[in-house]
């Protein structure tokens, strides 16, 4: 599967499917390419990001948004702050590539 294949992620049903699949497979982390997310995730005023994060927190599954989100980060300081806060924790990370992910998982 290419990295961007699959349904867009932006509604509760899709998120719950991902979480359910993770539980079925016994995984702790769900890694989703950034291009699969609905653009609303990156516009914090829509509350999509908060709703998605809350679902993953409730079900104790960690989330990685993998890929380039620079086209969104440069314009919105709130998003930059959100990404920095997420990356400082252990529940959700925004990472540029697989190498960053491997590094974070090792350390």
N, C-alpha and C. Protein backbone atom coordinates (compact mmCIF):
# COMPACT_ATOMS: atom_id res chain seq x y z
N UNK A 1 0.84 -1.18 0.00
CA UNK A 1 0.00 0.00 0.00
C UNK A 1 0.89 1.25 0.00
N UNK A 2 0.59 2.19 -0.86
CA UNK A 2 1.31 3.46 -0.86
C UNK A 2 0.88 4.25 0.36
N UNK A 3 1.72 5.17 0.79
CA UNK A 3 1.49 5.87 2.04
C UNK A 3 0.18 6.64 2.10
N UNK A 4 -0.28 7.20 1.01
CA UNK A 4 -1.49 8.01 1.04
C UNK A 4 -2.75 7.25 0.75
N UNK A 5 -2.66 5.95 0.52
CA UNK A 5 -3.85 5.17 0.20
C UNK A 5 -4.71 4.96 1.43
N UNK A 6 -5.99 4.86 1.19
CA UNK A 6 -6.92 4.60 2.27
C UNK A 6 -7.90 5.75 2.38
N UNK A 7 -8.94 5.55 3.18
CA UNK A 7 -9.95 6.59 3.32
C UNK A 7 -9.39 7.79 4.06
N UNK A 8 -9.91 8.96 3.76
CA UNK A 8 -9.49 10.15 4.51
C UNK A 8 -9.84 9.97 5.99
N UNK A 9 -9.01 10.52 6.84
CA UNK A 9 -9.24 10.44 8.28
C UNK A 9 -9.72 11.81 8.73
N UNK A 10 -10.92 11.86 9.25
CA UNK A 10 -11.44 13.13 9.69
C UNK A 10 -12.79 13.02 10.37
N UNK A 11 -13.34 11.80 10.35
CA UNK A 11 -14.62 11.63 11.04
C UNK A 11 -14.49 10.53 12.09
N UNK A 12 -15.43 10.53 12.98
CA UNK A 12 -15.39 9.61 14.12
C UNK A 12 -15.38 8.14 13.68
N UNK A 13 -16.16 7.81 12.67
CA UNK A 13 -16.23 6.42 12.22
C UNK A 13 -14.89 5.90 11.73
N UNK A 14 -14.20 6.69 10.94
CA UNK A 14 -12.89 6.27 10.43
C UNK A 14 -11.89 6.12 11.57
N UNK A 15 -11.91 7.05 12.50
CA UNK A 15 -10.99 6.99 13.65
C UNK A 15 -11.28 5.76 14.50
N UNK A 16 -12.54 5.48 14.75
CA UNK A 16 -12.89 4.31 15.55
C UNK A 16 -12.52 3.01 14.83
N UNK A 17 -12.63 2.98 13.51
CA UNK A 17 -12.18 1.82 12.74
C UNK A 17 -10.68 1.60 12.92
N UNK A 18 -9.91 2.68 12.84
CA UNK A 18 -8.45 2.57 13.02
C UNK A 18 -8.11 2.07 14.42
N UNK A 19 -8.78 2.61 15.40
CA UNK A 19 -8.53 2.20 16.79
C UNK A 19 -8.94 0.74 16.99
N UNK A 20 -10.09 0.36 16.43
CA UNK A 20 -10.54 -1.02 16.54
C UNK A 20 -9.57 -1.99 15.89
N UNK A 21 -9.08 -1.63 14.71
CA UNK A 21 -8.09 -2.48 14.04
C UNK A 21 -6.81 -2.59 14.85
N UNK A 22 -6.39 -1.48 15.45
CA UNK A 22 -5.19 -1.51 16.29
C UNK A 22 -5.38 -2.45 17.47
N UNK A 23 -6.56 -2.38 18.10
CA UNK A 23 -6.84 -3.28 19.22
C UNK A 23 -6.87 -4.73 18.80
N UNK A 24 -7.48 -5.00 17.66
CA UNK A 24 -7.55 -6.36 17.14
C UNK A 24 -6.16 -6.92 16.86
N UNK A 25 -5.30 -6.07 16.31
CA UNK A 25 -3.94 -6.50 15.97
C UNK A 25 -2.98 -6.44 17.16
N UNK A 26 -3.43 -5.85 18.25
CA UNK A 26 -2.59 -5.76 19.44
C UNK A 26 -1.48 -4.73 19.33
N UNK A 27 -1.69 -3.70 18.53
CA UNK A 27 -0.66 -2.68 18.37
C UNK A 27 -0.88 -1.54 19.35
N UNK A 28 0.20 -0.89 19.71
CA UNK A 28 0.13 0.26 20.60
C UNK A 28 0.09 1.57 19.84
N UNK A 29 0.65 1.56 18.63
CA UNK A 29 0.77 2.78 17.83
C UNK A 29 0.03 2.64 16.51
N UNK A 30 -0.62 3.71 16.10
CA UNK A 30 -1.21 3.81 14.77
C UNK A 30 -0.47 4.92 14.06
N UNK A 31 0.11 4.61 12.91
CA UNK A 31 0.86 5.58 12.12
C UNK A 31 0.05 5.88 10.87
N UNK A 32 -0.30 7.14 10.68
CA UNK A 32 -1.14 7.55 9.56
C UNK A 32 -0.41 8.64 8.78
N UNK A 33 -0.28 8.45 7.47
CA UNK A 33 0.33 9.50 6.65
C UNK A 33 -0.46 10.81 6.74
N UNK A 34 0.25 11.91 6.85
CA UNK A 34 -0.39 13.22 7.00
C UNK A 34 -1.37 13.51 5.88
N UNK A 35 -1.06 13.04 4.66
CA UNK A 35 -1.94 13.36 3.54
C UNK A 35 -3.30 12.67 3.61
N UNK A 36 -3.45 11.70 4.50
CA UNK A 36 -4.75 11.03 4.66
C UNK A 36 -5.70 11.81 5.55
N UNK A 37 -5.17 12.76 6.31
CA UNK A 37 -6.03 13.51 7.22
C UNK A 37 -6.80 14.58 6.47
N UNK A 38 -8.05 14.74 6.85
CA UNK A 38 -8.85 15.83 6.35
C UNK A 38 -8.14 17.13 6.74
N UNK A 39 -8.18 18.10 5.86
CA UNK A 39 -7.52 19.37 6.12
C UNK A 39 -7.99 20.03 7.41
N UNK A 40 -9.20 19.71 7.83
CA UNK A 40 -9.76 20.29 9.05
C UNK A 40 -8.94 19.93 10.29
N UNK A 41 -8.21 18.81 10.25
CA UNK A 41 -7.37 18.44 11.39
C UNK A 41 -6.37 19.54 11.70
N UNK A 42 -5.85 20.17 10.67
CA UNK A 42 -4.79 21.15 10.83
C UNK A 42 -5.32 22.55 11.08
N UNK A 43 -6.62 22.71 11.07
CA UNK A 43 -7.27 23.98 11.41
C UNK A 43 -7.89 23.78 12.79
N UNK A 44 -7.17 24.13 13.82
CA UNK A 44 -7.57 23.77 15.18
C UNK A 44 -8.94 24.32 15.58
N UNK A 45 -9.37 25.39 14.95
CA UNK A 45 -10.68 25.95 15.29
C UNK A 45 -11.83 25.00 14.96
N UNK A 46 -11.59 24.02 14.10
CA UNK A 46 -12.64 23.05 13.75
C UNK A 46 -12.85 22.00 14.84
N UNK A 47 -11.90 21.87 15.74
CA UNK A 47 -11.92 20.89 16.84
C UNK A 47 -11.76 19.44 16.37
N UNK A 48 -11.49 19.23 15.11
CA UNK A 48 -11.29 17.87 14.60
C UNK A 48 -10.08 17.24 15.27
N UNK A 49 -9.00 17.98 15.38
CA UNK A 49 -7.78 17.44 16.01
C UNK A 49 -8.07 17.01 17.45
N UNK A 50 -8.74 17.83 18.20
CA UNK A 50 -9.05 17.50 19.58
C UNK A 50 -9.94 16.27 19.69
N UNK A 51 -10.92 16.17 18.81
CA UNK A 51 -11.81 15.01 18.82
C UNK A 51 -11.04 13.72 18.49
N UNK A 52 -10.15 13.80 17.50
CA UNK A 52 -9.37 12.62 17.12
C UNK A 52 -8.43 12.22 18.24
N UNK A 53 -7.72 13.18 18.79
CA UNK A 53 -6.78 12.88 19.88
C UNK A 53 -7.54 12.27 21.06
N UNK A 54 -8.70 12.83 21.39
CA UNK A 54 -9.46 12.32 22.53
C UNK A 54 -9.88 10.87 22.34
N UNK A 55 -10.26 10.50 21.12
CA UNK A 55 -10.61 9.10 20.85
C UNK A 55 -9.41 8.19 21.10
N UNK A 56 -8.25 8.58 20.59
CA UNK A 56 -7.06 7.75 20.79
C UNK A 56 -6.69 7.67 22.27
N UNK A 57 -6.82 8.77 22.99
CA UNK A 57 -6.53 8.76 24.43
C UNK A 57 -7.50 7.84 25.16
N UNK A 58 -8.79 7.95 24.85
CA UNK A 58 -9.80 7.14 25.52
C UNK A 58 -9.55 5.64 25.36
N UNK A 59 -9.06 5.26 24.19
CA UNK A 59 -8.83 3.84 23.91
C UNK A 59 -7.38 3.41 24.14
N UNK A 60 -6.59 4.32 24.66
CA UNK A 60 -5.18 4.06 25.02
C UNK A 60 -4.36 3.53 23.83
N UNK A 61 -4.53 4.19 22.71
CA UNK A 61 -3.76 3.89 21.51
C UNK A 61 -3.03 5.17 21.13
N UNK A 62 -1.74 5.06 20.85
CA UNK A 62 -0.95 6.22 20.48
C UNK A 62 -1.04 6.45 18.97
N UNK A 63 -0.90 7.71 18.57
CA UNK A 63 -1.05 8.11 17.18
C UNK A 63 0.17 8.86 16.69
N UNK A 64 0.59 8.52 15.46
CA UNK A 64 1.65 9.27 14.79
C UNK A 64 1.08 9.80 13.48
N UNK A 65 1.20 11.09 13.29
CA UNK A 65 0.90 11.72 12.01
C UNK A 65 2.24 11.83 11.30
N UNK A 66 2.40 11.09 10.22
CA UNK A 66 3.70 10.96 9.57
C UNK A 66 3.70 11.68 8.22
N UNK A 67 4.61 12.63 8.10
CA UNK A 67 4.74 13.32 6.82
C UNK A 67 4.87 14.82 7.00
N UNK A 68 4.96 15.49 5.89
CA UNK A 68 5.20 16.93 5.86
C UNK A 68 3.90 17.69 6.10
N UNK A 69 3.87 18.46 7.16
CA UNK A 69 2.71 19.31 7.43
C UNK A 69 3.11 20.79 7.40
N UNK A 70 4.26 21.08 6.81
CA UNK A 70 4.79 22.44 6.82
C UNK A 70 3.85 23.44 6.14
N UNK A 71 3.08 22.99 5.20
CA UNK A 71 2.17 23.94 4.53
C UNK A 71 1.10 24.47 5.49
N UNK A 72 0.85 23.77 6.58
CA UNK A 72 -0.09 24.23 7.59
C UNK A 72 0.60 24.95 8.73
N UNK A 73 1.75 24.46 9.17
CA UNK A 73 2.42 24.98 10.36
C UNK A 73 2.91 26.40 10.20
N UNK A 74 3.33 26.77 9.02
CA UNK A 74 3.90 28.10 8.83
C UNK A 74 2.92 29.23 9.03
N UNK A 75 1.64 28.95 8.92
CA UNK A 75 0.64 30.01 8.94
C UNK A 75 -0.09 30.14 10.27
N UNK A 76 -0.05 29.11 11.07
CA UNK A 76 -0.87 29.13 12.28
C UNK A 76 -0.01 28.82 13.50
N UNK A 77 0.19 29.83 14.34
CA UNK A 77 1.03 29.61 15.51
C UNK A 77 0.39 28.62 16.48
N UNK A 78 -0.94 28.58 16.55
CA UNK A 78 -1.62 27.63 17.43
C UNK A 78 -1.30 26.20 17.02
N UNK A 79 -1.23 25.94 15.72
CA UNK A 79 -0.89 24.60 15.25
C UNK A 79 0.55 24.27 15.59
N UNK A 80 1.45 25.23 15.43
CA UNK A 80 2.85 25.00 15.81
C UNK A 80 2.93 24.62 17.29
N UNK A 81 2.19 25.33 18.13
CA UNK A 81 2.18 25.05 19.56
C UNK A 81 1.59 23.67 19.85
N UNK A 82 0.52 23.32 19.15
CA UNK A 82 -0.12 22.02 19.32
C UNK A 82 0.83 20.90 18.94
N UNK A 83 1.52 21.05 17.82
CA UNK A 83 2.48 20.04 17.37
C UNK A 83 3.61 19.91 18.38
N UNK A 84 4.13 21.02 18.87
CA UNK A 84 5.21 20.97 19.85
C UNK A 84 4.76 20.29 21.13
N UNK A 85 3.54 20.59 21.58
CA UNK A 85 3.01 19.96 22.79
C UNK A 85 2.82 18.45 22.59
N UNK A 86 2.28 18.06 21.44
CA UNK A 86 2.10 16.64 21.15
C UNK A 86 3.44 15.92 21.10
N UNK A 87 4.40 16.51 20.43
CA UNK A 87 5.71 15.86 20.28
C UNK A 87 6.48 15.77 21.60
N UNK A 88 6.12 16.59 22.57
CA UNK A 88 6.77 16.52 23.88
C UNK A 88 6.19 15.40 24.73
N UNK A 89 5.01 14.93 24.37
CA UNK A 89 4.34 13.88 25.13
C UNK A 89 4.52 12.51 24.50
N UNK A 90 3.69 11.60 24.92
CA UNK A 90 3.80 10.23 24.43
C UNK A 90 2.54 9.68 23.79
N UNK A 91 1.51 10.53 23.61
CA UNK A 91 0.24 10.05 23.07
C UNK A 91 0.10 10.28 21.57
N UNK A 92 0.61 11.40 21.09
CA UNK A 92 0.50 11.74 19.68
C UNK A 92 1.74 12.48 19.24
N UNK A 93 2.30 12.05 18.12
CA UNK A 93 3.48 12.71 17.57
C UNK A 93 3.22 13.12 16.13
N UNK A 94 3.80 14.23 15.75
CA UNK A 94 3.85 14.68 14.35
C UNK A 94 5.29 14.52 13.92
N UNK A 95 5.57 13.58 13.03
CA UNK A 95 6.94 13.30 12.61
C UNK A 95 7.04 13.38 11.09
N UNK A 96 8.20 13.80 10.62
CA UNK A 96 8.40 14.03 9.18
C UNK A 96 8.55 12.75 8.38
N UNK A 97 9.19 11.74 8.97
CA UNK A 97 9.47 10.53 8.18
C UNK A 97 9.69 9.33 9.09
N UNK A 98 9.88 8.17 8.45
CA UNK A 98 10.06 6.92 9.20
C UNK A 98 11.33 6.94 10.04
N UNK A 99 12.36 7.60 9.58
CA UNK A 99 13.60 7.67 10.36
C UNK A 99 13.36 8.37 11.69
N UNK A 100 12.62 9.46 11.68
CA UNK A 100 12.27 10.14 12.94
C UNK A 100 11.46 9.22 13.84
N UNK A 101 10.54 8.47 13.25
CA UNK A 101 9.73 7.55 14.04
C UNK A 101 10.59 6.47 14.67
N UNK A 102 11.47 5.87 13.89
CA UNK A 102 12.36 4.84 14.46
C UNK A 102 13.19 5.41 15.60
N UNK A 103 13.69 6.60 15.43
CA UNK A 103 14.50 7.25 16.47
C UNK A 103 13.68 7.48 17.75
N UNK A 104 12.46 7.97 17.60
CA UNK A 104 11.61 8.23 18.76
C UNK A 104 11.24 6.94 19.49
N UNK A 105 10.97 5.89 18.74
CA UNK A 105 10.57 4.62 19.35
C UNK A 105 11.75 3.96 20.09
N UNK A 106 12.94 4.19 19.60
CA UNK A 106 14.13 3.62 20.26
C UNK A 106 14.46 4.34 21.56
N UNK A 107 14.25 5.64 21.58
CA UNK A 107 14.74 6.41 22.71
C UNK A 107 13.69 6.87 23.62
